[in-house]
Protein backbone atom coordinates (compact mmCIF):
# COMPACT_ATOMS: atom_id res chain seq x y z
CA MET A 1 -1.58 7.16 13.51
CA PRO A 2 -2.76 6.84 17.13
CA GLU A 3 -4.99 3.79 17.48
CA LEU A 4 -7.43 2.70 20.16
CA PRO A 5 -4.85 2.24 22.98
CA GLU A 6 -3.23 5.62 22.37
CA VAL A 7 -6.57 7.42 22.17
CA GLU A 8 -7.87 5.60 25.24
CA THR A 9 -4.77 6.68 27.16
CA ILE A 10 -5.36 10.32 26.22
CA VAL A 11 -9.03 10.07 27.17
CA ARG A 12 -8.25 8.68 30.62
CA GLN A 13 -5.72 11.44 31.28
CA LEU A 14 -8.06 14.16 30.06
CA SER A 15 -10.85 12.80 32.25
CA SER A 16 -8.83 13.56 35.37
CA CYS A 17 -7.56 16.83 33.96
CA VAL A 18 -10.32 18.80 32.27
CA VAL A 19 -13.67 17.41 33.44
CA GLY A 20 -15.47 20.05 35.46
CA GLN A 21 -13.45 22.87 33.95
CA GLN A 22 -15.07 25.84 32.24
CA ILE A 23 -13.79 27.02 28.87
CA SER A 24 -12.83 30.69 29.06
CA GLN A 25 -11.37 31.23 25.61
CA VAL A 26 -11.09 29.39 22.28
CA VAL A 27 -8.40 30.35 19.80
CA VAL A 28 -8.27 28.86 16.30
CA LYS A 29 -4.99 29.64 14.57
CA TRP A 30 -5.58 27.46 11.48
CA PRO A 31 -9.29 27.50 10.59
CA ALA A 32 -9.15 24.31 8.49
CA SER A 33 -8.44 22.35 11.69
CA VAL A 34 -12.11 22.81 12.60
CA ALA A 35 -14.21 20.74 10.22
CA THR A 36 -17.66 21.93 11.19
CA HIS A 37 -17.53 25.56 12.34
CA SER A 38 -15.85 28.87 11.73
CA PRO A 39 -13.45 29.99 14.48
CA ALA A 40 -15.97 32.56 15.69
CA ALA A 41 -18.81 30.05 15.76
CA LEU A 42 -16.71 27.50 17.65
CA ALA A 43 -15.78 30.06 20.27
CA ALA A 44 -19.35 31.29 20.59
CA ALA A 45 -20.60 27.75 21.18
CA LEU A 46 -18.00 26.82 23.80
CA VAL A 47 -16.90 29.86 25.81
CA GLY A 48 -18.49 29.88 29.25
CA ARG A 49 -19.51 26.22 29.05
CA THR A 50 -18.14 23.38 31.16
CA ILE A 51 -16.56 20.12 30.04
CA THR A 52 -18.60 17.44 31.78
CA ALA A 53 -17.17 14.21 30.36
CA VAL A 54 -14.46 12.78 28.13
CA ALA A 55 -14.92 9.52 26.22
CA ARG A 56 -13.62 7.57 23.25
CA ARG A 57 -15.36 6.13 20.21
CA GLY A 58 -13.07 4.30 17.84
CA LYS A 59 -10.15 6.68 17.30
CA PHE A 60 -12.18 9.77 18.20
CA ILE A 61 -11.84 11.74 21.44
CA LEU A 62 -15.23 13.01 22.61
CA LEU A 63 -15.50 15.94 25.03
CA THR A 64 -19.01 16.60 26.26
CA VAL A 65 -19.66 20.34 26.55
CA PRO A 66 -23.45 20.52 26.95
CA PRO A 67 -25.41 20.94 24.80
CA HIS A 68 -22.60 20.05 22.37
CA THR A 69 -20.06 17.30 21.86
CA MET A 70 -16.61 18.31 20.68
CA LEU A 71 -14.80 15.52 18.82
CA VAL A 72 -11.10 15.37 17.98
CA HIS A 73 -9.51 12.97 15.52
CA LEU A 74 -5.70 13.03 15.71
CA ARG A 75 -5.02 11.34 12.36
CA MET A 76 -1.28 11.00 11.63
CA THR A 77 0.57 13.46 13.89
CA GLY A 78 -2.07 15.15 16.02
CA ARG A 79 -1.64 15.60 19.76
CA LEU A 80 -4.09 16.79 22.38
CA LEU A 81 -1.98 18.15 25.24
CA ALA A 82 -3.65 19.04 28.50
CA CYS A 83 -3.17 20.70 31.86
CA ASP A 84 -0.43 23.00 30.54
CA LYS A 85 2.18 20.32 31.30
CA SER A 86 3.56 20.24 27.74
CA ASP A 87 7.10 21.38 27.08
CA ASP A 88 6.65 21.78 23.33
CA ALA A 89 3.22 23.36 22.97
CA SER A 90 2.22 26.93 23.64
CA ALA A 91 0.06 29.61 22.10
CA ALA A 92 3.10 30.67 20.06
CA ASP A 93 3.92 27.16 18.79
CA PRO A 94 3.43 27.18 14.99
CA HIS A 95 2.14 23.59 15.14
CA VAL A 96 -0.59 24.42 17.65
CA HIS A 97 -3.68 25.08 15.54
CA VAL A 98 -6.40 25.29 18.20
CA TYR A 99 -6.25 25.86 21.93
CA TRP A 100 -8.80 26.15 24.69
CA GLU A 101 -8.02 28.23 27.76
CA LEU A 102 -9.74 26.96 30.90
CA ALA A 103 -10.96 29.01 33.83
CA SER A 104 -8.48 27.21 36.11
CA GLY A 105 -5.57 28.66 34.15
CA ASP A 106 -4.79 25.40 32.37
CA THR A 107 -4.80 25.15 28.58
CA LEU A 108 -5.75 22.36 26.20
CA PHE A 109 -3.65 22.39 23.02
CA PHE A 110 -4.37 20.72 19.69
CA ARG A 111 -0.99 20.35 18.00
CA ASP A 112 -0.53 18.75 14.58
CA ILE A 113 2.58 19.00 12.45
CA ARG A 114 1.04 17.55 9.29
CA LYS A 115 -2.37 19.22 9.71
CA PHE A 116 -4.44 16.10 9.00
CA GLY A 117 -6.22 16.03 12.37
CA ARG A 118 -9.61 17.65 12.81
CA VAL A 119 -11.87 19.14 15.47
CA TYR A 120 -15.64 18.77 15.16
CA LEU A 121 -18.55 20.24 17.10
CA ALA A 122 -21.96 18.57 16.94
CA GLN A 123 -25.27 18.46 18.77
CA SER A 124 -25.04 14.67 18.59
CA PRO A 125 -21.76 12.77 18.20
CA GLU A 126 -23.45 10.41 15.76
CA GLN A 127 -23.48 13.27 13.26
CA VAL A 128 -19.71 12.79 13.02
CA LEU A 129 -19.23 9.16 14.00
CA GLY A 130 -21.66 7.92 11.36
CA ASP A 131 -21.46 4.20 10.68
CA LEU A 132 -18.51 3.22 12.88
CA GLY A 133 -18.45 -0.46 13.68
CA PRO A 134 -18.61 -2.00 17.15
CA GLU A 135 -15.99 -1.40 19.81
CA PRO A 136 -13.62 -4.38 20.03
CA LEU A 137 -13.52 -4.24 23.85
CA ASP A 138 -17.30 -4.03 24.22
CA ASP A 139 -18.88 -7.16 25.68
CA ALA A 140 -21.74 -6.65 23.25
CA LEU A 141 -19.39 -7.91 20.55
CA THR A 142 -19.69 -11.64 21.21
CA PRO A 143 -17.59 -14.39 19.62
CA GLU A 144 -20.71 -15.62 17.83
CA GLY A 145 -21.55 -12.17 16.52
CA PHE A 146 -17.95 -11.58 15.45
CA ALA A 147 -17.83 -14.88 13.60
CA ALA A 148 -21.10 -14.08 11.84
CA ALA A 149 -19.75 -10.69 10.77
CA LEU A 150 -16.58 -12.28 9.40
CA HIS A 151 -18.55 -14.89 7.49
CA SER A 152 -20.90 -12.29 6.01
CA ARG A 153 -18.00 -10.79 4.06
CA ARG A 154 -15.33 -12.15 1.76
CA ARG A 155 -12.37 -9.87 2.29
CA GLN A 156 -8.77 -10.32 3.25
CA ILE A 157 -8.74 -10.32 7.03
CA LYS A 158 -6.27 -7.47 7.54
CA PRO A 159 -8.05 -4.86 5.37
CA LEU A 160 -11.33 -5.91 6.96
CA LEU A 161 -10.03 -5.39 10.51
CA LEU A 162 -8.68 -2.00 9.45
CA ASP A 163 -12.11 -0.98 8.13
CA GLN A 164 -13.60 1.29 10.79
CA ARG A 165 -17.08 0.31 9.64
CA PHE A 166 -16.36 -3.29 10.60
CA VAL A 167 -14.72 -2.71 13.96
CA ALA A 168 -13.74 0.67 15.39
CA GLY A 169 -10.33 1.66 16.67
CA LEU A 170 -7.85 -0.80 15.16
CA GLY A 171 -4.95 0.32 13.01
CA ASN A 172 -1.86 -1.11 11.38
CA ILE A 173 0.11 -1.83 14.55
CA TYR A 174 -2.47 -3.76 16.51
CA VAL A 175 -3.92 -5.64 13.55
CA ASP A 176 -0.45 -7.00 12.77
CA GLU A 177 0.01 -7.92 16.43
CA THR A 178 -3.39 -9.60 16.65
CA LEU A 179 -2.84 -11.66 13.52
CA TRP A 180 0.62 -12.74 14.68
CA ARG A 181 -0.83 -13.93 17.98
CA THR A 182 -3.41 -16.06 16.23
CA GLY A 183 -1.13 -17.34 13.46
CA ILE A 184 -3.54 -16.04 10.81
CA HIS A 185 -2.03 -14.73 7.58
CA PRO A 186 -3.27 -11.19 6.76
CA THR A 187 -4.55 -12.22 3.31
CA THR A 188 -6.75 -15.00 4.67
CA PRO A 189 -10.38 -14.60 3.49
CA SER A 190 -12.58 -13.58 6.39
CA ASP A 191 -15.29 -16.08 5.49
CA SER A 192 -12.82 -18.97 5.54
CA LEU A 193 -12.15 -18.65 9.27
CA SER A 194 -13.78 -21.23 11.50
CA SER A 195 -15.85 -20.25 14.51
CA GLU A 196 -12.94 -21.33 16.71
CA GLN A 197 -10.52 -19.13 14.76
CA ALA A 198 -12.93 -16.20 14.97
CA ALA A 199 -13.19 -16.59 18.74
CA SER A 200 -9.40 -16.81 19.01
CA LEU A 201 -9.03 -13.72 16.83
CA LEU A 202 -11.43 -11.71 18.99
CA ALA A 203 -9.68 -12.83 22.18
CA ALA A 204 -6.25 -11.95 20.75
CA MET A 205 -7.53 -8.57 19.61
CA ARG A 206 -8.78 -7.81 23.10
CA SER A 207 -5.63 -8.96 24.90
CA THR A 208 -3.45 -7.03 22.45
CA LEU A 209 -5.39 -3.81 22.98
CA THR A 210 -5.68 -4.24 26.74
CA GLU A 211 -1.95 -4.77 27.16
CA ALA A 212 -1.19 -1.74 24.98
CA ILE A 213 -3.57 0.42 27.03
CA ARG A 214 -1.82 -0.77 30.19
CA ASP A 215 1.48 0.46 28.73
CA GLY A 216 0.04 3.81 27.63
CA GLY A 217 0.15 2.96 23.93
CA THR A 218 3.00 2.74 21.43
CA THR A 219 5.25 5.59 20.38
CA LEU A 220 7.04 4.92 17.11
CA ARG A 221 7.74 8.54 16.24
CA ASP A 222 4.99 11.13 16.74
CA TYR A 223 2.59 9.88 19.39
CA ARG A 224 2.54 11.58 22.79
CA ASN A 225 -0.15 11.25 25.41
CA ALA A 226 -2.07 14.14 26.94
CA LEU A 227 0.80 14.87 29.33
CA ASN A 228 3.34 14.86 26.49
CA ALA A 229 4.88 11.50 27.44
CA GLU A 230 5.68 8.61 25.10
CA GLY A 231 3.82 5.32 25.16
CA GLN A 232 5.79 2.41 26.60
CA HIS A 233 4.38 -0.54 24.64
CA GLY A 234 6.94 -0.56 21.82
CA PRO A 235 9.29 -3.18 23.34
CA ALA A 236 6.34 -5.58 23.69
CA LEU A 237 5.54 -5.63 19.96
CA ALA A 238 6.06 -9.09 18.49
CA ALA A 239 5.55 -8.40 14.78
CA TYR A 240 5.02 -4.77 13.84
CA GLY A 241 8.24 -2.98 12.93
CA ARG A 242 10.43 -6.05 13.60
CA THR A 243 11.44 -6.82 10.01
CA GLY A 244 14.42 -9.20 9.98
CA GLN A 245 14.28 -9.87 13.71
CA PRO A 246 13.52 -13.40 14.94
CA CYS A 247 9.93 -14.38 15.58
CA LEU A 248 9.44 -14.60 19.32
CA ARG A 249 7.59 -17.89 18.84
CA CYS A 250 9.66 -19.84 16.31
CA GLY A 251 12.79 -17.82 15.55
CA GLN A 252 12.08 -17.29 11.84
CA PRO A 253 12.89 -13.71 10.74
CA ILE A 254 9.86 -11.42 10.59
CA GLU A 255 9.04 -10.33 7.05
CA ARG A 256 7.44 -7.17 5.73
CA LEU A 257 4.94 -7.32 2.88
CA VAL A 258 2.20 -5.08 1.56
CA VAL A 259 -1.44 -6.05 2.08
CA GLY A 260 -4.21 -3.71 1.02
CA SER A 261 -1.63 -0.98 0.38
CA ARG A 262 -0.43 -1.17 3.98
CA GLY A 263 2.96 -2.26 5.23
CA THR A 264 2.41 -5.54 7.06
CA HIS A 265 4.62 -7.61 9.34
CA ILE A 266 4.32 -11.39 9.62
CA CYS A 267 6.17 -14.52 10.60
CA PRO A 268 6.32 -16.58 7.37
CA ARG A 269 6.47 -19.81 9.36
CA CYS A 270 3.73 -19.13 11.94
CA GLN A 271 1.37 -17.34 9.54
CA VAL A 272 0.87 -19.53 6.50
CA PRO A 273 -0.73 -17.80 3.49
CA PRO A 274 -4.02 -19.12 2.12
CA THR A 275 -3.96 -21.47 -0.84
CA ASN A 276 -4.89 -20.22 -4.31
CA GLY A 277 -8.38 -21.63 -3.85
CA GLU A 278 -8.93 -19.34 -0.89
CA SER A 279 -8.56 -16.02 -2.67
CA SER A 280 -10.61 -13.10 -1.38
CA HIS A 281 -11.71 -9.68 -2.53
CA ASP A 282 -13.15 -6.49 -1.13
CA ASP A 283 -16.87 -6.12 -0.48
């Protein structure tokens, strides 16, 4: 599933590609792709209107089309391909479920093999975004505030970081990478972390995400950016997907385990599990 760096990459590309463009036609080929409107209602709301901004919130792509906001969540295999530069998306592509023709002649395609992704249209984005947690790269999330949030819960740290209500945008890849950088085992109770560990965790989270954004995200299989190119961050991964390969810090083979029903990658030497007296549970 595309995470914050992948979505941020798409948003930045779309910003230079579709902002200022008028929507001339909306075609919905698979109505269930649109979570909030019928195909006719979506077209009626958007045709003739201009895209004025593109932004990201968590893993959502937000396109401002006054007086509406159109939101796209890519889920597992979704792609939002812009500027008609895609080689594998067209109006005839069976995996393209929605497309927007622009007055310039360009087309924006929503392509999704597994059909889990969704398009939303709302007067206010908060109608869809609901109770998403803070953005991990936002300066408003201070080390003190992050530590307080960790200490207010007693959950295993990995499932907590994956909870979009706690912090928005992280997924399996970058949580594993963040925890490896800090040497924190994924089952460690959140309220057992010291203030220093919390600050280190936040800093590692930010550096992990920033470096992945710089590389255009990570392509493991399905992810492509808005121009249909793969992310280049894969070779920089230190833990995720490296089962059996030597830890880049100590040389111990990386192990795969399951935490909170998610495949998880750790160094068993660098990331020591909590003792029995430090068990945790969900909220």
